[in-house]
């Protein structure tokens, strides 16, 4: 079931992991082995969650990578659906090919 306006995974990671463990962004970045800027960008929803970062979070704090990546996917799908009216593409309708001839593009 699609979620209505799902949060960016960075917001959840900030509240449920970084703040819940009383860590600073700098300390959490050190635990994860990433730069402070990379983590800050994620936590402030300025960067997407990557597979690498999701695996680091899983190894350090426990939430499964699959769950975290699912959150990113849900967020991306919702954001894209919001922009759908602006994306103009006509439905493809194949033209029946005559026997012995390939269809042309």
PDB file of N, CA and C in Angstrom:
ATOM      1  N   UNK A   1       0.842  -1.178   0.000  1.00  0.00           N
ATOM      2  CA  UNK A   1       0.000   0.000   0.000  1.00  0.00           C
ATOM      3  C   UNK A   1       0.889   1.243   0.000  1.00  0.00           C
ATOM      4  N   UNK A   2       0.706   2.163  -0.956  1.00  0.00           N
ATOM      5  CA  UNK A   2       1.544   3.348  -0.996  1.00  0.00           C
ATOM      6  C   UNK A   2       1.304   4.250   0.211  1.00  0.00           C
ATOM      7  N   UNK A   3       2.365   4.862   0.644  1.00  0.00           N
ATOM      8  CA  UNK A   3       2.295   5.747   1.797  1.00  0.00           C
ATOM      9  C   UNK A   3       2.037   7.177   1.321  1.00  0.00           C
ATOM     10  N   UNK A   4       1.258   7.925   2.062  1.00  0.00           N
ATOM     11  CA  UNK A   4       1.030   9.315   1.723  1.00  0.00           C
ATOM     12  C   UNK A   4       2.163  10.147   2.289  1.00  0.00           C
ATOM     13  N   UNK A   5       2.858  10.826   1.423  1.00  0.00           N
ATOM     14  CA  UNK A   5       3.963  11.716   1.773  1.00  0.00           C
ATOM     15  C   UNK A   5       4.933  11.088   2.785  1.00  0.00           C
ATOM     16  N   UNK A   6       5.621  10.016   2.386  1.00  0.00           N
ATOM     17  CA  UNK A   6       6.561   9.377   3.308  1.00  0.00           C
ATOM     18  C   UNK A   6       7.734  10.299   3.630  1.00  0.00           C
ATOM     19  N   UNK A   7       8.288  10.188   4.810  1.00  0.00           N
ATOM     20  CA  UNK A   7       9.423  11.040   5.167  1.00  0.00           C
ATOM     21  C   UNK A   7      10.677  10.619   4.413  1.00  0.00           C
ATOM     22  N   UNK A   8      11.573  11.559   4.235  1.00  0.00           N
ATOM     23  CA  UNK A   8      12.891  11.238   3.676  1.00  0.00           C
ATOM     24  C   UNK A   8      13.585  10.335   4.697  1.00  0.00           C
ATOM     25  N   UNK A   9      14.290   9.293   4.248  1.00  0.00           N
ATOM     26  CA  UNK A   9      14.929   8.394   5.208  1.00  0.00           C
ATOM     27  C   UNK A   9      15.919   9.101   6.136  1.00  0.00           C
ATOM     28  N   UNK A  10      16.510  10.183   5.662  1.00  0.00           N
ATOM     29  CA  UNK A  10      17.444  10.929   6.509  1.00  0.00           C
ATOM     30  C   UNK A  10      16.787  11.480   7.755  1.00  0.00           C
ATOM     31  N   UNK A  11      15.531  11.890   7.634  1.00  0.00           N
ATOM     32  CA  UNK A  11      14.803  12.416   8.791  1.00  0.00           C
ATOM     33  C   UNK A  11      14.598  11.326   9.837  1.00  0.00           C
ATOM     34  N   UNK A  12      14.274  10.127   9.371  1.00  0.00           N
ATOM     35  CA  UNK A  12      14.064   8.997  10.274  1.00  0.00           C
ATOM     36  C   UNK A  12      15.391   8.589  10.923  1.00  0.00           C
ATOM     37  N   UNK A  13      16.442   8.544  10.141  1.00  0.00           N
ATOM     38  CA  UNK A  13      17.766   8.181  10.664  1.00  0.00           C
ATOM     39  C   UNK A  13      18.207   9.207  11.711  1.00  0.00           C
ATOM     40  N   UNK A  14      17.938  10.481  11.439  1.00  0.00           N
ATOM     41  CA  UNK A  14      18.317  11.520  12.398  1.00  0.00           C
ATOM     42  C   UNK A  14      17.609  11.308  13.733  1.00  0.00           C
ATOM     43  N   UNK A  15      16.272  11.116  13.702  1.00  0.00           N
ATOM     44  CA  UNK A  15      15.535  11.010  14.959  1.00  0.00           C
ATOM     45  C   UNK A  15      15.686   9.646  15.628  1.00  0.00           C
ATOM     46  N   UNK A  16      15.603   8.576  14.836  1.00  0.00           N
ATOM     47  CA  UNK A  16      15.577   7.228  15.411  1.00  0.00           C
ATOM     48  C   UNK A  16      16.960   6.635  15.694  1.00  0.00           C
ATOM     49  N   UNK A  17      17.985   7.206  15.114  1.00  0.00           N
ATOM     50  CA  UNK A  17      19.331   6.655  15.344  1.00  0.00           C
ATOM     51  C   UNK A  17      20.242   7.700  15.979  1.00  0.00           C
ATOM     52  N   UNK A  18      20.501   8.786  15.259  1.00  0.00           N
ATOM     53  CA  UNK A  18      21.476   9.772  15.749  1.00  0.00           C
ATOM     54  C   UNK A  18      20.995  10.403  17.061  1.00  0.00           C
ATOM     55  N   UNK A  19      19.793  10.971  17.058  1.00  0.00           N
ATOM     56  CA  UNK A  19      19.291  11.619  18.275  1.00  0.00           C
ATOM     57  C   UNK A  19      18.974  10.603  19.370  1.00  0.00           C
ATOM     58  N   UNK A  20      18.449   9.450  18.982  1.00  0.00           N
ATOM     59  CA  UNK A  20      18.110   8.423  19.976  1.00  0.00           C
ATOM     60  C   UNK A  20      19.341   7.917  20.723  1.00  0.00           C
ATOM     61  N   UNK A  21      20.492   7.948  20.055  1.00  0.00           N
ATOM     62  CA  UNK A  21      21.741   7.521  20.699  1.00  0.00           C
ATOM     63  C   UNK A  21      22.521   8.710  21.276  1.00  0.00           C
ATOM     64  N   UNK A  22      21.904   9.880  21.256  1.00  0.00           N
ATOM     65  CA  UNK A  22      22.523  11.099  21.792  1.00  0.00           C
ATOM     66  C   UNK A  22      23.885  11.364  21.156  1.00  0.00           C
ATOM     67  N   UNK A  23      23.938  11.186  19.827  1.00  0.00           N
ATOM     68  CA  UNK A  23      25.174  11.424  19.087  1.00  0.00           C
ATOM     69  C   UNK A  23      25.103  12.762  18.363  1.00  0.00           C
ATOM     70  N   UNK A  24      26.250  13.364  18.190  1.00  0.00           N
ATOM     71  CA  UNK A  24      26.330  14.521  17.301  1.00  0.00           C
ATOM     72  C   UNK A  24      26.478  13.976  15.889  1.00  0.00           C
ATOM     73  N   UNK A  25      26.279  14.834  14.922  1.00  0.00           N
ATOM     74  CA  UNK A  25      26.468  14.411  13.530  1.00  0.00           C
ATOM     75  C   UNK A  25      27.916  13.990  13.323  1.00  0.00           C
ATOM     76  N   UNK A  26      28.840  14.719  13.904  1.00  0.00           N
ATOM     77  CA  UNK A  26      30.263  14.397  13.782  1.00  0.00           C
ATOM     78  C   UNK A  26      30.564  13.027  14.378  1.00  0.00           C
ATOM     79  N   UNK A  27      30.032  12.751  15.554  1.00  0.00           N
ATOM     80  CA  UNK A  27      30.274  11.457  16.208  1.00  0.00           C
ATOM     81  C   UNK A  27      29.639  10.317  15.410  1.00  0.00           C
ATOM     82  N   UNK A  28      28.426  10.517  14.921  1.00  0.00           N
ATOM     83  CA  UNK A  28      27.751   9.479  14.132  1.00  0.00           C
ATOM     84  C   UNK A  28      28.505   9.226  12.830  1.00  0.00           C
ATOM     85  N   UNK A  29      29.004  10.278  12.206  1.00  0.00           N
ATOM     86  CA  UNK A  29      29.775  10.128  10.970  1.00  0.00           C
ATOM     87  C   UNK A  29      31.039   9.315  11.224  1.00  0.00           C
ATOM     88  N   UNK A  30      31.652   9.545  12.363  1.00  0.00           N
ATOM     89  CA  UNK A  30      32.863   8.799  12.723  1.00  0.00           C
ATOM     90  C   UNK A  30      32.533   7.315  12.902  1.00  0.00           C
ATOM     91  N   UNK A  31      31.431   7.018  13.587  1.00  0.00           N
ATOM     92  CA  UNK A  31      30.996   5.627  13.780  1.00  0.00           C
ATOM     93  C   UNK A  31      30.777   4.957  12.424  1.00  0.00           C
ATOM     94  N   UNK A  32      30.177   5.681  11.489  1.00  0.00           N
ATOM     95  CA  UNK A  32      29.846   5.124  10.177  1.00  0.00           C
ATOM     96  C   UNK A  32      31.017   5.124   9.202  1.00  0.00           C
ATOM     97  N   UNK A  33      32.070   5.856   9.534  1.00  0.00           N
ATOM     98  CA  UNK A  33      33.231   5.921   8.645  1.00  0.00           C
ATOM     99  C   UNK A  33      32.981   6.758   7.404  1.00  0.00           C
ATOM    100  N   UNK A  34      32.177   7.828   7.567  1.00  0.00           N
ATOM    101  CA  UNK A  34      31.884   8.733   6.456  1.00  0.00           C
ATOM    102  C   UNK A  34      32.192  10.167   6.897  1.00  0.00           C
ATOM    103  N   UNK A  35      32.191  11.073   5.946  1.00  0.00           N
ATOM    104  CA  UNK A  35      32.441  12.468   6.301  1.00  0.00           C
ATOM    105  C   UNK A  35      31.215  13.063   6.990  1.00  0.00           C
ATOM    106  N   UNK A  36      31.481  14.070   7.795  1.00  0.00           N
ATOM    107  CA  UNK A  36      30.397  14.766   8.475  1.00  0.00           C
ATOM    108  C   UNK A  36      29.446  15.367   7.446  1.00  0.00           C
ATOM    109  N   UNK A  37      30.013  15.929   6.375  1.00  0.00           N
ATOM    110  CA  UNK A  37      29.195  16.556   5.329  1.00  0.00           C
ATOM    111  C   UNK A  37      28.269  15.543   4.652  1.00  0.00           C
ATOM    112  N   UNK A  38      28.788  14.339   4.378  1.00  0.00           N
ATOM    113  CA  UNK A  38      27.964  13.308   3.722  1.00  0.00           C
ATOM    114  C   UNK A  38      26.783  12.927   4.607  1.00  0.00           C
ATOM    115  N   UNK A  39      27.036  12.728   5.894  1.00  0.00           N
ATOM    116  CA  UNK A  39      25.958  12.361   6.808  1.00  0.00           C
ATOM    117  C   UNK A  39      24.988  13.520   7.007  1.00  0.00           C
ATOM    118  N   UNK A  40      25.519  14.722   7.151  1.00  0.00           N
ATOM    119  CA  UNK A  40      24.674  15.896   7.335  1.00  0.00           C
ATOM    120  C   UNK A  40      23.740  16.089   6.142  1.00  0.00           C
ATOM    121  N   UNK A  41      24.253  15.906   4.946  1.00  0.00           N
ATOM    122  CA  UNK A  41      23.420  16.044   3.739  1.00  0.00           C
ATOM    123  C   UNK A  41      22.276  15.039   3.750  1.00  0.00           C
ATOM    124  N   UNK A  42      22.557  13.813   4.161  1.00  0.00           N
ATOM    125  CA  UNK A  42      21.511  12.792   4.255  1.00  0.00           C
ATOM    126  C   UNK A  42      20.486  13.165   5.325  1.00  0.00           C
ATOM    127  N   UNK A  43      20.959  13.521   6.502  1.00  0.00           N
ATOM    128  CA  UNK A  43      20.063  13.819   7.625  1.00  0.00           C
ATOM    129  C   UNK A  43      19.171  15.037   7.362  1.00  0.00           C
ATOM    130  N   UNK A  44      19.653  15.942   6.525  1.00  0.00           N
ATOM    131  CA  UNK A  44      18.885  17.142   6.190  1.00  0.00           C
ATOM    132  C   UNK A  44      18.138  17.009   4.866  1.00  0.00           C
ATOM    133  N   UNK A  45      18.019  15.774   4.374  1.00  0.00           N
ATOM    134  CA  UNK A  45      17.258  15.450   3.150  1.00  0.00           C
ATOM    135  C   UNK A  45      17.791  16.174   1.920  1.00  0.00           C
ATOM    136  N   UNK A  46      19.086  16.437   1.907  1.00  0.00           N
ATOM    137  CA  UNK A  46      19.710  17.067   0.742  1.00  0.00           C
ATOM    138  C   UNK A  46      20.415  16.028  -0.129  1.00  0.00           C
ATOM    139  N   UNK A  47      20.502  14.802   0.359  1.00  0.00           N
ATOM    140  CA  UNK A  47      21.110  13.700  -0.393  1.00  0.00           C
ATOM    141  C   UNK A  47      20.267  12.450  -0.178  1.00  0.00           C
ATOM    142  N   UNK A  48      20.242  11.599  -1.194  1.00  0.00           N
ATOM    143  CA  UNK A  48      19.528  10.328  -1.081  1.00  0.00           C
ATOM    144  C   UNK A  48      20.345   9.331  -0.264  1.00  0.00           C
ATOM    145  N   UNK A  49      19.664   8.382   0.323  1.00  0.00           N
ATOM    146  CA  UNK A  49      20.315   7.281   1.022  1.00  0.00           C
ATOM    147  C   UNK A  49      20.874   6.323  -0.028  1.00  0.00           C
ATOM    148  N   UNK A  50      22.154   6.045   0.041  1.00  0.00           N
ATOM    149  CA  UNK A  50      22.773   5.102  -0.890  1.00  0.00           C
ATOM    150  C   UNK A  50      22.830   3.719  -0.258  1.00  0.00           C
ATOM    151  N   UNK A  51      23.034   2.726  -1.084  1.00  0.00           N
ATOM    152  CA  UNK A  51      23.180   1.366  -0.574  1.00  0.00           C
ATOM    153  C   UNK A  51      24.353   1.256   0.386  1.00  0.00           C
ATOM    154  N   UNK A  52      25.442   1.931   0.061  1.00  0.00           N
ATOM    155  CA  UNK A  52      26.633   1.906   0.920  1.00  0.00           C
ATOM    156  C   UNK A  52      26.323   2.473   2.304  1.00  0.00           C
ATOM    157  N   UNK A  53      25.641   3.612   2.330  1.00  0.00           N
ATOM    158  CA  UNK A  53      25.306   4.234   3.617  1.00  0.00           C
ATOM    159  C   UNK A  53      24.321   3.367   4.387  1.00  0.00           C
ATOM    160  N   UNK A  54      23.342   2.783   3.691  1.00  0.00           N
ATOM    161  CA  UNK A  54      22.360   1.919   4.354  1.00  0.00           C
ATOM    162  C   UNK A  54      23.052   0.714   4.994  1.00  0.00           C
ATOM    163  N   UNK A  55      24.032   0.142   4.307  1.00  0.00           N
ATOM    164  CA  UNK A  55      24.764  -0.994   4.865  1.00  0.00           C
ATOM    165  C   UNK A  55      25.591  -0.573   6.072  1.00  0.00           C
ATOM    166  N   UNK A  56      26.199   0.592   6.007  1.00  0.00           N
ATOM    167  CA  UNK A  56      26.968   1.108   7.155  1.00  0.00           C
ATOM    168  C   UNK A  56      26.061   1.283   8.376  1.00  0.00           C
ATOM    169  N   UNK A  57      24.857   1.828   8.148  1.00  0.00           N
ATOM    170  CA  UNK A  57      23.906   2.034   9.243  1.00  0.00           C
ATOM    171  C   UNK A  57      23.466   0.691   9.812  1.00  0.00           C
ATOM    172  N   UNK A  58      23.200  -0.267   8.937  1.00  0.00           N
ATOM    173  CA  UNK A  58      22.823  -1.603   9.400  1.00  0.00           C
ATOM    174  C   UNK A  58      23.918  -2.204  10.275  1.00  0.00           C
ATOM    175  N   UNK A  59      25.157  -2.129   9.809  1.00  0.00           N
ATOM    176  CA  UNK A  59      26.272  -2.717  10.566  1.00  0.00           C
ATOM    177  C   UNK A  59      26.496  -2.012  11.898  1.00  0.00           C
ATOM    178  N   UNK A  60      26.342  -0.691  11.922  1.00  0.00           N
ATOM    179  CA  UNK A  60      26.628   0.067  13.140  1.00  0.00           C
ATOM    180  C   UNK A  60      25.464   0.093  14.127  1.00  0.00           C
ATOM    181  N   UNK A  61      24.239   0.193  13.612  1.00  0.00           N
ATOM    182  CA  UNK A  61      23.107   0.443  14.500  1.00  0.00           C
ATOM    183  C   UNK A  61      21.987  -0.594  14.454  1.00  0.00           C
ATOM    184  N   UNK A  62      21.981  -1.468  13.451  1.00  0.00           N
ATOM    185  CA  UNK A  62      21.007  -2.550  13.429  1.00  0.00           C
ATOM    186  C   UNK A  62      19.873  -2.526  12.431  1.00  0.00           C
ATOM    187  N   UNK A  63      19.287  -1.356  12.087  1.00  0.00           N
ATOM    188  CA  UNK A  63      18.165  -1.394  11.140  1.00  0.00           C
ATOM    189  C   UNK A  63      18.603  -2.012   9.808  1.00  0.00           C
ATOM    190  N   UNK A  64      17.804  -2.899   9.294  1.00  0.00           N
ATOM    191  CA  UNK A  64      18.161  -3.628   8.083  1.00  0.00           C
ATOM    192  C   UNK A  64      18.272  -2.689   6.881  1.00  0.00           C
ATOM    193  N   UNK A  65      19.292  -2.947   6.096  1.00  0.00           N
ATOM    194  CA  UNK A  65      19.540  -2.192   4.877  1.00  0.00           C
ATOM    195  C   UNK A  65      18.300  -2.208   3.973  1.00  0.00           C
ATOM    196  N   UNK A  66      17.654  -3.361   3.876  1.00  0.00           N
ATOM    197  CA  UNK A  66      16.475  -3.505   3.016  1.00  0.00           C
ATOM    198  C   UNK A  66      15.362  -2.549   3.447  1.00  0.00           C
ATOM    199  N   UNK A  67      15.173  -2.416   4.743  1.00  0.00           N
ATOM    200  CA  UNK A  67      14.153  -1.514   5.275  1.00  0.00           C
ATOM    201  C   UNK A  67      14.493  -0.072   4.948  1.00  0.00           C
ATOM    202  N   UNK A  68      15.753   0.287   5.157  1.00  0.00           N
ATOM    203  CA  UNK A  68      16.191   1.652   4.889  1.00  0.00           C
ATOM    204  C   UNK A  68      16.070   1.994   3.407  1.00  0.00           C
ATOM    205  N   UNK A  69      16.469   1.073   2.537  1.00  0.00           N
ATOM    206  CA  UNK A  69      16.383   1.314   1.102  1.00  0.00           C
ATOM    207  C   UNK A  69      14.925   1.346   0.641  1.00  0.00           C
ATOM    208  N   UNK A  70      14.075   0.570   1.305  1.00  0.00           N
ATOM    209  CA  UNK A  70      12.648   0.618   1.004  1.00  0.00           C
ATOM    210  C   UNK A  70      12.062   1.984   1.324  1.00  0.00           C
ATOM    211  N   UNK A  71      12.550   2.598   2.397  1.00  0.00           N
ATOM    212  CA  UNK A  71      12.108   3.945   2.750  1.00  0.00           C
ATOM    213  C   UNK A  71      12.525   4.937   1.665  1.00  0.00           C
ATOM    214  N   UNK A  72      13.761   4.786   1.161  1.00  0.00           N
ATOM    215  CA  UNK A  72      14.230   5.679   0.103  1.00  0.00           C
ATOM    216  C   UNK A  72      13.389   5.485  -1.154  1.00  0.00           C
ATOM    217  N   UNK A  73      13.093   4.233  -1.472  1.00  0.00           N
ATOM    218  CA  UNK A  73      12.285   3.933  -2.649  1.00  0.00           C
ATOM    219  C   UNK A  73      10.880   4.529  -2.523  1.00  0.00           C
ATOM    220  N   UNK A  74      10.255   4.368  -1.365  1.00  0.00           N
ATOM    221  CA  UNK A  74       8.918   4.920  -1.140  1.00  0.00           C
ATOM    222  C   UNK A  74       8.932   6.441  -1.273  1.00  0.00           C
ATOM    223  N   UNK A  75       9.968   7.061  -0.735  1.00  0.00           N
ATOM    224  CA  UNK A  75      10.110   8.513  -0.829  1.00  0.00           C
ATOM    225  C   UNK A  75      10.255   8.940  -2.289  1.00  0.00           C
ATOM    226  N   UNK A  76      11.131   8.250  -3.025  1.00  0.00           N
ATOM    227  CA  UNK A  76      11.366   8.575  -4.440  1.00  0.00           C
ATOM    228  C   UNK A  76      10.097   8.390  -5.271  1.00  0.00           C
ATOM    229  N   UNK A  77       9.386   7.293  -5.049  1.00  0.00           N
ATOM    230  CA  UNK A  77       8.158   7.026  -5.802  1.00  0.00           C
ATOM    231  C   UNK A  77       7.128   8.121  -5.540  1.00  0.00           C
ATOM    232  N   UNK A  78       6.948   8.484  -4.290  1.00  0.00           N
ATOM    233  CA  UNK A  78       5.979   9.529  -3.965  1.00  0.00           C
ATOM    234  C   UNK A  78       6.357  10.848  -4.636  1.00  0.00           C
ATOM    235  N   UNK A  79       7.638  11.228  -4.538  1.00  0.00           N
ATOM    236  CA  UNK A  79       8.093  12.485  -5.131  1.00  0.00           C
ATOM    237  C   UNK A  79       7.896  12.486  -6.645  1.00  0.00           C
ATOM    238  N   UNK A  80       8.184  11.360  -7.288  1.00  0.00           N
ATOM    239  CA  UNK A  80       8.024  11.259  -8.736  1.00  0.00           C
ATOM    240  C   UNK A  80       6.554  11.317  -9.123  1.00  0.00           C
ATOM    241  N   UNK A  81       5.687  10.636  -8.370  1.00  0.00           N
ATOM    242  CA  UNK A  81       4.245  10.685  -8.646  1.00  0.00           C
ATOM    243  C   UNK A  81       3.720  12.120  -8.531  1.00  0.00           C
ATOM    244  N   UNK A  82       4.277  12.901  -7.633  1.00  0.00           N
ATOM    245  CA  UNK A  82       3.863  14.291  -7.483  1.00  0.00           C
ATOM    246  C   UNK A  82       4.196  15.091  -8.742  1.00  0.00           C
ATOM    247  N   UNK A  83       5.285  14.719  -9.421  1.00  0.00           N
ATOM    248  CA  UNK A  83       5.709  15.420 -10.635  1.00  0.00           C
ATOM    249  C   UNK A  83       5.101  14.819 -11.903  1.00  0.00           C
ATOM    250  N   UNK A  84       4.352  13.745 -11.793  1.00  0.00           N
ATOM    251  CA  UNK A  84       3.821  13.025 -12.960  1.00  0.00           C
ATOM    252  C   UNK A  84       3.065  13.917 -13.947  1.00  0.00           C
ATOM    253  N   UNK A  85       2.232  14.855 -13.507  1.00  0.00           N
ATOM    254  CA  UNK A  85       1.519  15.691 -14.483  1.00  0.00           C
ATOM    255  C   UNK A  85       2.450  16.518 -15.379  1.00  0.00           C
ATOM    256  N   UNK A  86       3.636  16.802 -14.914  1.00  0.00           N
ATOM    257  CA  UNK A  86       4.587  17.597 -15.689  1.00  0.00           C
ATOM    258  C   UNK A  86       5.395  16.754 -16.674  1.00  0.00           C
ATOM    259  N   UNK A  87       5.341  15.449 -16.542  1.00  0.00           N
ATOM    260  CA  UNK A  87       6.102  14.562 -17.420  1.00  0.00           C
ATOM    261  C   UNK A  87       5.199  14.160 -18.577  1.00  0.00           C
ATOM    262  N   UNK A  88       5.508  14.664 -19.755  1.00  0.00           N
ATOM    263  CA  UNK A  88       4.668  14.447 -20.933  1.00  0.00           C
ATOM    264  C   UNK A  88       5.241  13.340 -21.805  1.00  0.00           C
ATOM    265  N   UNK A  89       4.602  12.197 -21.761  1.00  0.00           N
ATOM    266  CA  UNK A  89       4.978  11.055 -22.592  1.00  0.00           C
ATOM    267  C   UNK A  89       3.693  10.391 -23.054  1.00  0.00           C
ATOM    268  N   UNK A  90       3.608  10.126 -24.355  1.00  0.00           N
ATOM    269  CA  UNK A  90       2.424   9.444 -24.871  1.00  0.00           C
ATOM    270  C   UNK A  90       2.618   7.940 -24.773  1.00  0.00           C
ATOM    271  N   UNK A  91       1.526   7.245 -24.563  1.00  0.00           N
ATOM    272  CA  UNK A  91       1.540   5.794 -24.471  1.00  0.00           C
ATOM    273  C   UNK A  91       1.974   5.200 -25.804  1.00  0.00           C
ATOM    274  N   UNK A  92       2.869   4.237 -25.787  1.00  0.00           N
ATOM    275  CA  UNK A  92       3.329   3.547 -26.984  1.00  0.00           C
ATOM    276  C   UNK A  92       2.261   2.565 -27.444  1.00  0.00           C
ATOM    277  N   UNK A  93       1.937   2.615 -28.727  1.00  0.00           N
ATOM    278  CA  UNK A  93       0.988   1.689 -29.322  1.00  0.00           C
ATOM    279  C   UNK A  93       1.658   1.083 -30.551  1.00  0.00           C
ATOM    280  N   UNK A  94       2.005  -0.189 -30.464  1.00  0.00           N
ATOM    281  CA  UNK A  94       2.696  -0.808 -31.601  1.00  0.00           C
ATOM    282  C   UNK A  94       1.795  -0.878 -32.835  1.00  0.00           C
ATOM    283  N   UNK A  95       2.418  -0.684 -33.969  1.00  0.00           N
ATOM    284  CA  UNK A  95       1.717  -0.802 -35.242  1.00  0.00           C
ATOM    285  C   UNK A  95       1.900  -2.243 -35.696  1.00  0.00           C
ATOM    286  N   UNK A  96       0.815  -2.875 -36.067  1.00  0.00           N
ATOM    287  CA  UNK A  96       0.893  -4.272 -36.492  1.00  0.00           C
ATOM    288  C   UNK A  96       1.790  -4.363 -37.717  1.00  0.00           C
ATOM    289  N   UNK A  97       2.775  -5.216 -37.647  1.00  0.00           N
ATOM    290  CA  UNK A  97       3.703  -5.399 -38.768  1.00  0.00           C
ATOM    291  C   UNK A  97       3.071  -6.297 -39.813  1.00  0.00           C
ATOM    292  N   UNK A  98       3.356  -5.987 -41.059  1.00  0.00           N
ATOM    293  CA  UNK A  98       2.889  -6.864 -42.134  1.00  0.00           C
ATOM    294  C   UNK A  98       3.708  -8.139 -42.112  1.00  0.00           C
ATOM    295  N   UNK A  99       3.144  -9.231 -42.511  1.00  0.00           N
ATOM    296  CA  UNK A  99       3.888 -10.488 -42.512  1.00  0.00           C
ATOM    297  C   UNK A  99       5.203 -10.350 -43.281  1.00  0.00           C
ATOM    298  N   UNK A 100       6.268 -10.826 -42.657  1.00  0.00           N
ATOM    299  CA  UNK A 100       7.583 -10.807 -43.300  1.00  0.00           C
ATOM    300  C   UNK A 100       8.338  -9.496 -43.132  1.00  0.00           C
ATOM    301  N   UNK A 101       7.766  -8.518 -42.436  1.00  0.00           N
ATOM    302  CA  UNK A 101       8.451  -7.234 -42.252  1.00  0.00           C
ATOM    303  C   UNK A 101       8.537  -6.920 -40.755  1.00  0.00           C
ATOM    304  N   UNK A 102       9.639  -6.356 -40.374  1.00  0.00           N
ATOM    305  CA  UNK A 102       9.806  -5.960 -38.979  1.00  0.00           C
ATOM    306  C   UNK A 102       9.144  -4.593 -38.765  1.00  0.00           C
ATOM    307  N   UNK A 103       8.666  -4.370 -37.576  1.00  0.00           N
ATOM    308  CA  UNK A 103       8.074  -3.078 -37.239  1.00  0.00           C
ATOM    309  C   UNK A 103       9.161  -2.025 -37.184  1.00  0.00           C
ATOM    310  N   UNK A 104       8.843  -0.813 -37.645  1.00  0.00           N
ATOM    311  CA  UNK A 104       9.812   0.291 -37.629  1.00  0.00           C
ATOM    312  C   UNK A 104       9.561   1.193 -36.426  1.00  0.00           C
ATOM    313  N   UNK A 105      10.616   1.866 -36.010  1.00  0.00           N
ATOM    314  CA  UNK A 105      10.491   2.838 -34.928  1.00  0.00           C
ATOM    315  C   UNK A 105      10.251   4.207 -35.495  1.00  0.00           C
TER     316      UNK A 105
END
